Amino acid sequence: MRVTYPEPMAARLEGVLEDRDSWQARHCSIAKALDVVGTRSAMLILREAIYGTTRFDDFANRVGITEAVTAARLKELAAAGIFERRPYKIPGSRTRYEYVLTEMGRDLVPVIIGLMQWGDTYLQGPRGKPLDVVEDATGSAVAAEVRTEDGRRVELDELRIQVASAHSKP
């Protein structure tokens, strides 16, 4: 008996992208994003910022990383424009800084929620997900999904990837 397998799902590459052996993703936005947020500590610092953490010691304690790693990551994330450093001073102590997500940082929320959903689905085991993410005003569940501009959900095999109109080569 011959076993047949379904065709793997994938996005459709268009134009010069169709021949994958003829080009390299030299300007890949995913690679550039990972250069900025691709470490475990950076992603967990972002998680904590979404949860409301702003102060250095709180990031270090809540993420469970050393002060040196916390300082390095916050410096990198601030230099990249993901955090804004804001001075604050507790009476009797030196000026310190809190780290607040910028618009660029807030735009990473769907990425963090998407990773959370993926972990909930595939890594949490029989106990299930530990947290629900809901809209504050209504309590409705929130999900990160790929959707068209008009709101229709799009599956992987319904995607087409093409060279952006501003570029002639990938």
N, C-alpha and C. Protein backbone atom coordinates (compact mmCIF):
# COMPACT_ATOMS: atom_id res chain seq x y z
N MET A 1 0.84 -1.18 0.00
CA MET A 1 0.00 0.00 0.00
C MET A 1 0.88 1.24 0.00
N ARG A 2 0.59 2.14 -0.90
CA ARG A 2 1.37 3.38 -1.01
C ARG A 2 0.71 4.46 -0.16
N VAL A 3 1.51 5.13 0.65
CA VAL A 3 1.01 6.21 1.50
C VAL A 3 1.17 7.52 0.74
N THR A 4 0.12 8.29 0.70
CA THR A 4 0.22 9.61 0.08
C THR A 4 0.08 10.67 1.15
N TYR A 5 0.80 11.73 0.97
CA TYR A 5 0.78 12.83 1.92
C TYR A 5 0.20 14.06 1.24
N PRO A 6 -0.51 14.87 1.98
CA PRO A 6 -1.03 16.10 1.38
C PRO A 6 0.11 17.03 1.03
N GLU A 7 -0.12 17.86 0.03
CA GLU A 7 0.87 18.87 -0.33
C GLU A 7 1.09 19.79 0.87
N PRO A 8 2.35 20.16 1.15
CA PRO A 8 2.58 21.09 2.26
C PRO A 8 1.97 22.46 1.96
N MET A 9 1.44 23.07 2.99
CA MET A 9 0.89 24.42 2.82
C MET A 9 2.03 25.42 2.79
N ALA A 10 1.93 26.37 1.92
CA ALA A 10 2.94 27.42 1.82
C ALA A 10 2.32 28.62 1.11
N ALA A 11 2.93 29.76 1.31
CA ALA A 11 2.53 30.95 0.56
C ALA A 11 3.02 30.79 -0.88
N ARG A 12 2.36 31.47 -1.79
CA ARG A 12 2.77 31.43 -3.19
C ARG A 12 3.72 32.59 -3.45
N LEU A 13 4.89 32.27 -4.00
CA LEU A 13 5.85 33.31 -4.36
C LEU A 13 5.58 33.72 -5.79
N GLU A 14 5.66 35.04 -6.05
CA GLU A 14 5.28 35.57 -7.36
C GLU A 14 6.46 36.26 -8.02
N GLY A 15 6.46 36.26 -9.33
CA GLY A 15 7.46 36.99 -10.11
C GLY A 15 8.84 36.41 -9.92
N VAL A 16 9.82 37.29 -9.76
CA VAL A 16 11.21 36.84 -9.63
C VAL A 16 11.41 35.97 -8.39
N LEU A 17 10.48 35.99 -7.45
CA LEU A 17 10.60 35.18 -6.24
C LEU A 17 10.29 33.71 -6.48
N GLU A 18 9.59 33.39 -7.58
CA GLU A 18 9.19 32.02 -7.85
C GLU A 18 10.37 31.06 -7.91
N ASP A 19 11.46 31.47 -8.53
CA ASP A 19 12.67 30.65 -8.60
C ASP A 19 13.52 30.96 -7.37
N ARG A 20 13.26 30.24 -6.30
CA ARG A 20 13.92 30.55 -5.03
C ARG A 20 15.43 30.39 -5.08
N ASP A 21 15.95 29.60 -6.02
CA ASP A 21 17.39 29.43 -6.13
C ASP A 21 18.08 30.60 -6.84
N SER A 22 17.30 31.51 -7.41
CA SER A 22 17.89 32.61 -8.17
C SER A 22 18.05 33.89 -7.35
N TRP A 23 17.63 33.88 -6.09
CA TRP A 23 17.74 35.10 -5.28
C TRP A 23 18.01 34.74 -3.82
N GLN A 24 18.51 35.71 -3.08
CA GLN A 24 18.73 35.57 -1.65
C GLN A 24 18.02 36.72 -0.94
N ALA A 25 17.53 36.44 0.23
CA ALA A 25 16.81 37.46 1.00
C ALA A 25 17.80 38.36 1.74
N ARG A 26 18.51 39.17 1.00
CA ARG A 26 19.55 40.03 1.58
C ARG A 26 18.98 41.16 2.44
N HIS A 27 17.78 41.58 2.13
CA HIS A 27 17.19 42.70 2.86
C HIS A 27 15.97 42.25 3.65
N CYS A 28 16.04 41.04 4.19
CA CYS A 28 14.90 40.42 4.86
C CYS A 28 14.49 41.20 6.12
N SER A 29 13.24 41.60 6.14
CA SER A 29 12.72 42.34 7.30
C SER A 29 12.67 41.47 8.55
N ILE A 30 12.46 40.16 8.39
CA ILE A 30 12.45 39.26 9.55
C ILE A 30 13.83 39.23 10.19
N ALA A 31 14.87 39.10 9.37
CA ALA A 31 16.23 39.09 9.90
C ALA A 31 16.56 40.40 10.61
N LYS A 32 16.14 41.51 10.02
CA LYS A 32 16.40 42.82 10.64
C LYS A 32 15.66 42.94 11.98
N ALA A 33 14.43 42.46 12.02
CA ALA A 33 13.66 42.50 13.28
C ALA A 33 14.33 41.64 14.34
N LEU A 34 14.79 40.45 13.95
CA LEU A 34 15.44 39.56 14.91
C LEU A 34 16.76 40.14 15.42
N ASP A 35 17.43 40.94 14.59
CA ASP A 35 18.64 41.62 15.06
C ASP A 35 18.32 42.54 16.24
N VAL A 36 17.10 43.04 16.30
CA VAL A 36 16.71 43.97 17.37
C VAL A 36 16.06 43.24 18.54
N VAL A 37 15.12 42.33 18.28
CA VAL A 37 14.34 41.72 19.36
C VAL A 37 14.50 40.20 19.44
N GLY A 38 15.52 39.66 18.79
CA GLY A 38 15.63 38.21 18.65
C GLY A 38 16.24 37.43 19.80
N THR A 39 16.48 38.07 20.93
CA THR A 39 16.99 37.30 22.07
C THR A 39 15.85 36.99 23.04
N ARG A 40 16.02 35.93 23.79
CA ARG A 40 15.01 35.55 24.79
C ARG A 40 14.79 36.70 25.77
N SER A 41 15.89 37.30 26.23
CA SER A 41 15.76 38.37 27.22
C SER A 41 15.03 39.58 26.64
N ALA A 42 15.27 39.92 25.38
CA ALA A 42 14.57 41.06 24.77
C ALA A 42 13.08 40.78 24.69
N MET A 43 12.71 39.59 24.27
CA MET A 43 11.28 39.25 24.15
C MET A 43 10.60 39.25 25.52
N LEU A 44 11.28 38.76 26.55
CA LEU A 44 10.67 38.74 27.89
C LEU A 44 10.61 40.14 28.49
N ILE A 45 11.56 40.99 28.18
CA ILE A 45 11.48 42.39 28.61
C ILE A 45 10.27 43.05 27.93
N LEU A 46 10.07 42.77 26.65
CA LEU A 46 8.89 43.30 25.96
C LEU A 46 7.60 42.79 26.58
N ARG A 47 7.57 41.51 26.93
CA ARG A 47 6.39 40.95 27.62
C ARG A 47 6.10 41.74 28.89
N GLU A 48 7.15 41.98 29.67
CA GLU A 48 6.98 42.70 30.93
C GLU A 48 6.54 44.14 30.70
N ALA A 49 7.04 44.77 29.65
CA ALA A 49 6.61 46.14 29.35
C ALA A 49 5.13 46.16 29.00
N ILE A 50 4.67 45.15 28.27
CA ILE A 50 3.24 45.05 27.96
C ILE A 50 2.44 44.87 29.24
N TYR A 51 2.99 44.17 30.21
CA TYR A 51 2.32 43.97 31.50
C TYR A 51 2.41 45.20 32.40
N GLY A 52 3.18 46.23 31.99
CA GLY A 52 3.23 47.48 32.75
C GLY A 52 4.54 47.76 33.47
N THR A 53 5.51 46.90 33.34
CA THR A 53 6.81 47.12 33.98
C THR A 53 7.52 48.28 33.28
N THR A 54 8.13 49.16 34.05
CA THR A 54 8.87 50.29 33.47
C THR A 54 10.25 50.48 34.08
N ARG A 55 10.50 49.94 35.25
CA ARG A 55 11.75 50.23 35.96
C ARG A 55 12.75 49.09 35.86
N PHE A 56 14.02 49.49 35.78
CA PHE A 56 15.14 48.58 35.56
C PHE A 56 15.10 47.38 36.50
N ASP A 57 15.06 47.63 37.81
CA ASP A 57 15.10 46.53 38.77
C ASP A 57 13.92 45.57 38.60
N ASP A 58 12.77 46.12 38.25
CA ASP A 58 11.59 45.27 38.04
C ASP A 58 11.75 44.39 36.81
N PHE A 59 12.33 44.95 35.74
CA PHE A 59 12.60 44.12 34.55
C PHE A 59 13.54 42.97 34.92
N ALA A 60 14.64 43.29 35.59
CA ALA A 60 15.63 42.26 35.95
C ALA A 60 14.99 41.18 36.81
N ASN A 61 14.24 41.59 37.84
CA ASN A 61 13.63 40.61 38.74
C ASN A 61 12.54 39.79 38.07
N ARG A 62 11.67 40.43 37.32
CA ARG A 62 10.54 39.71 36.72
C ARG A 62 10.97 38.79 35.59
N VAL A 63 12.00 39.19 34.83
CA VAL A 63 12.47 38.35 33.74
C VAL A 63 13.45 37.29 34.26
N GLY A 64 14.09 37.57 35.40
CA GLY A 64 15.03 36.61 35.97
C GLY A 64 16.37 36.60 35.26
N ILE A 65 16.85 37.80 34.91
CA ILE A 65 18.14 37.94 34.25
C ILE A 65 19.04 38.85 35.09
N THR A 66 20.32 38.80 34.80
CA THR A 66 21.27 39.61 35.57
C THR A 66 21.09 41.08 35.25
N GLU A 67 21.61 41.92 36.13
CA GLU A 67 21.56 43.36 35.89
C GLU A 67 22.34 43.74 34.64
N ALA A 68 23.46 43.03 34.37
CA ALA A 68 24.26 43.33 33.18
C ALA A 68 23.46 43.04 31.91
N VAL A 69 22.76 41.92 31.87
CA VAL A 69 21.95 41.58 30.70
C VAL A 69 20.78 42.55 30.58
N THR A 70 20.15 42.88 31.70
CA THR A 70 19.04 43.83 31.67
C THR A 70 19.50 45.17 31.11
N ALA A 71 20.64 45.65 31.60
CA ALA A 71 21.17 46.94 31.13
C ALA A 71 21.47 46.90 29.64
N ALA A 72 22.09 45.82 29.18
CA ALA A 72 22.43 45.70 27.76
C ALA A 72 21.17 45.67 26.90
N ARG A 73 20.18 44.88 27.28
CA ARG A 73 18.96 44.77 26.47
C ARG A 73 18.19 46.08 26.46
N LEU A 74 18.02 46.70 27.62
CA LEU A 74 17.28 47.97 27.65
C LEU A 74 17.99 49.04 26.84
N LYS A 75 19.30 49.05 26.90
CA LYS A 75 20.08 50.02 26.11
C LYS A 75 19.86 49.76 24.62
N GLU A 76 19.92 48.50 24.19
CA GLU A 76 19.72 48.15 22.79
C GLU A 76 18.30 48.49 22.33
N LEU A 77 17.33 48.14 23.15
CA LEU A 77 15.92 48.37 22.78
C LEU A 77 15.60 49.87 22.74
N ALA A 78 16.20 50.64 23.63
CA ALA A 78 16.01 52.10 23.61
C ALA A 78 16.71 52.70 22.39
N ALA A 79 17.92 52.24 22.08
CA ALA A 79 18.65 52.75 20.91
C ALA A 79 17.90 52.44 19.62
N ALA A 80 17.21 51.31 19.60
CA ALA A 80 16.44 50.91 18.41
C ALA A 80 15.13 51.69 18.28
N GLY A 81 14.73 52.40 19.34
CA GLY A 81 13.49 53.17 19.30
C GLY A 81 12.28 52.45 19.86
N ILE A 82 12.49 51.30 20.48
CA ILE A 82 11.38 50.52 21.03
C ILE A 82 10.96 51.03 22.41
N PHE A 83 11.92 51.53 23.16
CA PHE A 83 11.64 52.14 24.46
C PHE A 83 12.09 53.59 24.46
N GLU A 84 11.37 54.39 25.22
CA GLU A 84 11.79 55.75 25.52
C GLU A 84 12.26 55.76 26.96
N ARG A 85 13.42 56.35 27.20
CA ARG A 85 13.93 56.49 28.57
C ARG A 85 13.37 57.76 29.17
N ARG A 86 12.74 57.65 30.33
CA ARG A 86 12.19 58.82 31.02
C ARG A 86 12.79 58.91 32.41
N PRO A 87 13.36 60.08 32.74
CA PRO A 87 13.96 60.22 34.06
C PRO A 87 12.90 60.30 35.16
N TYR A 88 13.26 59.75 36.32
CA TYR A 88 12.44 59.91 37.52
C TYR A 88 13.39 59.97 38.71
N LYS A 89 12.93 60.54 39.78
CA LYS A 89 13.79 60.67 40.97
C LYS A 89 12.96 60.44 42.21
N ILE A 90 13.40 59.51 43.01
CA ILE A 90 12.81 59.28 44.32
C ILE A 90 13.55 60.21 45.27
N PRO A 91 12.83 60.97 46.10
CA PRO A 91 13.51 61.91 47.01
C PRO A 91 14.63 61.22 47.79
N GLY A 92 15.79 61.86 47.78
CA GLY A 92 16.94 61.35 48.50
C GLY A 92 17.80 60.39 47.71
N SER A 93 17.46 60.14 46.46
CA SER A 93 18.29 59.24 45.65
C SER A 93 18.61 59.91 44.31
N ARG A 94 19.49 59.28 43.58
CA ARG A 94 19.91 59.84 42.29
C ARG A 94 18.80 59.68 41.24
N THR A 95 18.95 60.41 40.17
CA THR A 95 18.00 60.29 39.06
C THR A 95 18.17 58.93 38.40
N ARG A 96 17.05 58.29 38.14
CA ARG A 96 17.04 57.00 37.45
C ARG A 96 16.14 57.13 36.23
N TYR A 97 16.05 56.05 35.46
CA TYR A 97 15.23 56.08 34.25
C TYR A 97 14.24 54.93 34.26
N GLU A 98 13.07 55.25 33.75
CA GLU A 98 12.11 54.19 33.49
C GLU A 98 12.03 54.04 31.98
N TYR A 99 11.57 52.88 31.56
CA TYR A 99 11.53 52.53 30.14
C TYR A 99 10.08 52.32 29.73
N VAL A 100 9.63 53.16 28.79
CA VAL A 100 8.23 53.15 28.36
C VAL A 100 8.19 52.81 26.87
N LEU A 101 7.30 51.91 26.49
CA LEU A 101 7.19 51.53 25.09
C LEU A 101 6.81 52.73 24.23
N THR A 102 7.50 52.88 23.11
CA THR A 102 7.16 53.88 22.11
C THR A 102 6.09 53.28 21.19
N GLU A 103 5.65 54.06 20.22
CA GLU A 103 4.71 53.52 19.23
C GLU A 103 5.34 52.30 18.53
N MET A 104 6.62 52.40 18.22
CA MET A 104 7.33 51.29 17.59
C MET A 104 7.29 50.05 18.48
N GLY A 105 7.47 50.25 19.77
CA GLY A 105 7.41 49.14 20.72
C GLY A 105 6.00 48.57 20.85
N ARG A 106 5.01 49.46 20.91
CA ARG A 106 3.61 49.00 21.01
C ARG A 106 3.19 48.23 19.77
N ASP A 107 3.80 48.54 18.64
CA ASP A 107 3.48 47.81 17.41
C ASP A 107 3.96 46.36 17.46
N LEU A 108 4.77 46.00 18.45
CA LEU A 108 5.20 44.61 18.64
C LEU A 108 4.19 43.78 19.43
N VAL A 109 3.14 44.40 19.96
CA VAL A 109 2.15 43.67 20.76
C VAL A 109 1.57 42.47 20.01
N PRO A 110 1.17 42.59 18.73
CA PRO A 110 0.65 41.40 18.05
C PRO A 110 1.67 40.26 17.96
N VAL A 111 2.95 40.61 17.85
CA VAL A 111 4.00 39.59 17.79
C VAL A 111 4.06 38.84 19.12
N ILE A 112 4.06 39.57 20.23
CA ILE A 112 4.11 38.95 21.55
C ILE A 112 2.86 38.11 21.80
N ILE A 113 1.70 38.64 21.46
CA ILE A 113 0.46 37.88 21.64
C ILE A 113 0.46 36.64 20.75
N GLY A 114 0.96 36.77 19.52
CA GLY A 114 1.06 35.62 18.63
C GLY A 114 1.96 34.53 19.19
N LEU A 115 3.09 34.92 19.76
CA LEU A 115 3.99 33.93 20.39
C LEU A 115 3.31 33.28 21.60
N MET A 116 2.58 34.07 22.37
CA MET A 116 1.86 33.54 23.52
C MET A 116 0.82 32.51 23.06
N GLN A 117 0.05 32.86 22.04
CA GLN A 117 -0.97 31.94 21.51
C GLN A 117 -0.34 30.64 21.02
N TRP A 118 0.78 30.75 20.31
CA TRP A 118 1.46 29.57 19.79
C TRP A 118 1.93 28.69 20.95
N GLY A 119 2.53 29.32 21.97
CA GLY A 119 2.95 28.57 23.15
C GLY A 119 1.79 27.93 23.88
N ASP A 120 0.67 28.67 23.98
CA ASP A 120 -0.54 28.11 24.60
C ASP A 120 -1.00 26.86 23.87
N THR A 121 -1.00 26.91 22.55
CA THR A 121 -1.52 25.82 21.74
C THR A 121 -0.60 24.61 21.72
N TYR A 122 0.71 24.83 21.60
CA TYR A 122 1.61 23.72 21.34
C TYR A 122 2.54 23.34 22.48
N LEU A 123 2.68 24.17 23.49
CA LEU A 123 3.70 23.90 24.51
C LEU A 123 3.17 23.78 25.93
N GLN A 124 1.95 24.14 26.21
CA GLN A 124 1.47 24.17 27.58
C GLN A 124 1.00 22.81 28.10
N GLY A 125 0.74 21.89 27.24
CA GLY A 125 0.34 20.56 27.69
C GLY A 125 -1.08 20.51 28.20
N PRO A 126 -1.39 19.47 28.97
CA PRO A 126 -2.78 19.23 29.38
C PRO A 126 -3.36 20.30 30.31
N ARG A 127 -2.52 21.03 31.02
CA ARG A 127 -3.05 22.07 31.92
C ARG A 127 -3.59 23.26 31.16
N GLY A 128 -3.19 23.39 29.90
CA GLY A 128 -3.70 24.48 29.08
C GLY A 128 -3.00 25.80 29.35
N LYS A 129 -3.51 26.81 28.69
CA LYS A 129 -2.89 28.13 28.77
C LYS A 129 -3.05 28.74 30.15
N PRO A 130 -2.02 29.46 30.60
CA PRO A 130 -2.09 30.07 31.93
C PRO A 130 -2.81 31.41 31.97
N LEU A 131 -2.90 32.11 30.84
CA LEU A 131 -3.48 33.45 30.81
C LEU A 131 -4.47 33.59 29.66
N ASP A 132 -5.43 34.46 29.84
CA ASP A 132 -6.31 34.88 28.76
C ASP A 132 -6.00 36.33 28.45
N VAL A 133 -5.97 36.69 27.19
CA VAL A 133 -5.83 38.08 26.77
C VAL A 133 -7.18 38.51 26.23
N VAL A 134 -7.76 39.53 26.87
CA VAL A 134 -9.10 39.99 26.52
C VAL A 134 -9.11 41.50 26.38
N GLU A 135 -10.09 42.00 25.63
CA GLU A 135 -10.29 43.45 25.55
C GLU A 135 -10.80 43.93 26.90
N ASP A 136 -10.20 44.96 27.43
CA ASP A 136 -10.55 45.46 28.75
C ASP A 136 -12.02 45.86 28.85
N ALA A 137 -12.51 46.59 27.87
CA ALA A 137 -13.87 47.14 27.94
C ALA A 137 -14.96 46.07 27.86
N THR A 138 -14.71 45.01 27.07
CA THR A 138 -15.79 44.04 26.83
C THR A 138 -15.52 42.65 27.38
N GLY A 139 -14.25 42.34 27.65
CA GLY A 139 -13.90 40.99 28.07
C GLY A 139 -13.81 40.00 26.92
N SER A 140 -13.95 40.49 25.68
CA SER A 140 -13.85 39.62 24.50
C SER A 140 -12.42 39.16 24.30
N ALA A 141 -12.26 37.89 23.93
CA ALA A 141 -10.93 37.33 23.67
C ALA A 141 -10.25 38.07 22.53
N VAL A 142 -8.94 38.22 22.66
CA VAL A 142 -8.12 38.89 21.66
C VAL A 142 -7.19 37.83 21.05
N ALA A 143 -6.98 37.91 19.74
CA ALA A 143 -6.10 36.97 19.06
C ALA A 143 -5.28 37.69 18.01
N ALA A 144 -4.06 37.19 17.79
CA ALA A 144 -3.22 37.70 16.71
C ALA A 144 -3.43 36.76 15.52
N GLU A 145 -3.84 37.32 14.40
CA GLU A 145 -4.11 36.54 13.20
C GLU A 145 -3.67 37.32 11.97
N VAL A 146 -3.49 36.61 10.88
CA VAL A 146 -3.22 37.25 9.60
C VAL A 146 -4.57 37.55 8.96
N ARG A 147 -4.81 38.83 8.70
CA ARG A 147 -6.09 39.26 8.13
C ARG A 147 -5.85 40.26 7.01
N THR A 148 -6.81 40.34 6.11
CA THR A 148 -6.76 41.35 5.06
C THR A 148 -7.13 42.70 5.66
N GLU A 149 -6.94 43.76 4.89
CA GLU A 149 -7.30 45.09 5.36
C GLU A 149 -8.78 45.19 5.72
N ASP A 150 -9.63 44.40 5.04
CA ASP A 150 -11.06 44.45 5.34
C ASP A 150 -11.48 43.45 6.42
N GLY A 151 -10.50 42.78 7.05
CA GLY A 151 -10.80 41.94 8.21
C GLY A 151 -10.97 40.46 7.97
N ARG A 152 -10.83 39.99 6.73
CA ARG A 152 -11.00 38.56 6.46
C ARG A 152 -9.73 37.80 6.87
N ARG A 153 -9.91 36.70 7.60
CA ARG A 153 -8.77 35.86 8.00
C ARG A 153 -8.18 35.18 6.77
N VAL A 154 -6.84 35.12 6.72
CA VAL A 154 -6.13 34.54 5.58
C VAL A 154 -5.25 33.40 6.08
N GLU A 155 -5.39 32.23 5.47
CA GLU A 155 -4.58 31.06 5.80
C GLU A 155 -3.26 31.10 5.02
N LEU A 156 -2.29 30.32 5.45
CA LEU A 156 -0.97 30.30 4.82
C LEU A 156 -1.04 30.04 3.33
N ASP A 157 -1.83 29.07 2.91
CA ASP A 157 -1.88 28.74 1.48
C ASP A 157 -2.70 29.75 0.67
N GLU A 158 -3.24 30.76 1.33
CA GLU A 158 -3.95 31.84 0.64
C GLU A 158 -3.08 33.09 0.48
N LEU A 159 -1.87 33.04 0.99
CA LEU A 159 -0.96 34.19 0.91
C LEU A 159 -0.17 34.17 -0.40
N ARG A 160 0.13 35.35 -0.91
CA ARG A 160 1.03 35.51 -2.05
C ARG A 160 2.09 36.51 -1.60
N ILE A 161 3.33 36.19 -1.85
CA ILE A 161 4.44 37.07 -1.50
C ILE A 161 5.06 37.55 -2.80
N GLN A 162 5.20 38.87 -2.89
CA GLN A 162 5.72 39.47 -4.11
C GLN A 162 6.70 40.57 -3.73
N VAL A 163 7.53 40.95 -4.68
CA VAL A 163 8.47 42.03 -4.47
C VAL A 163 7.67 43.31 -4.28
N ALA A 164 8.04 44.09 -3.27
CA ALA A 164 7.36 45.36 -3.02
C ALA A 164 7.55 46.27 -4.23
N SER A 165 6.55 47.06 -4.53
CA SER A 165 6.57 47.89 -5.73
C SER A 165 7.71 48.89 -5.76
N ALA A 166 8.28 49.24 -4.62
CA ALA A 166 9.38 50.21 -4.57
C ALA A 166 10.72 49.57 -4.92
N HIS A 167 10.77 48.22 -5.01
CA HIS A 167 12.02 47.51 -5.26
C HIS A 167 11.92 46.70 -6.55
N SER A 168 13.02 46.64 -7.25
CA SER A 168 13.00 45.83 -8.48
C SER A 168 13.56 44.44 -8.25
N LYS A 169 14.42 44.27 -7.22
CA LYS A 169 15.00 42.95 -6.93
C LYS A 169 14.87 42.69 -5.43
N PRO A 170 14.69 41.40 -5.03
CA PRO A 170 14.61 41.06 -3.60
C PRO A 170 15.97 41.17 -2.94
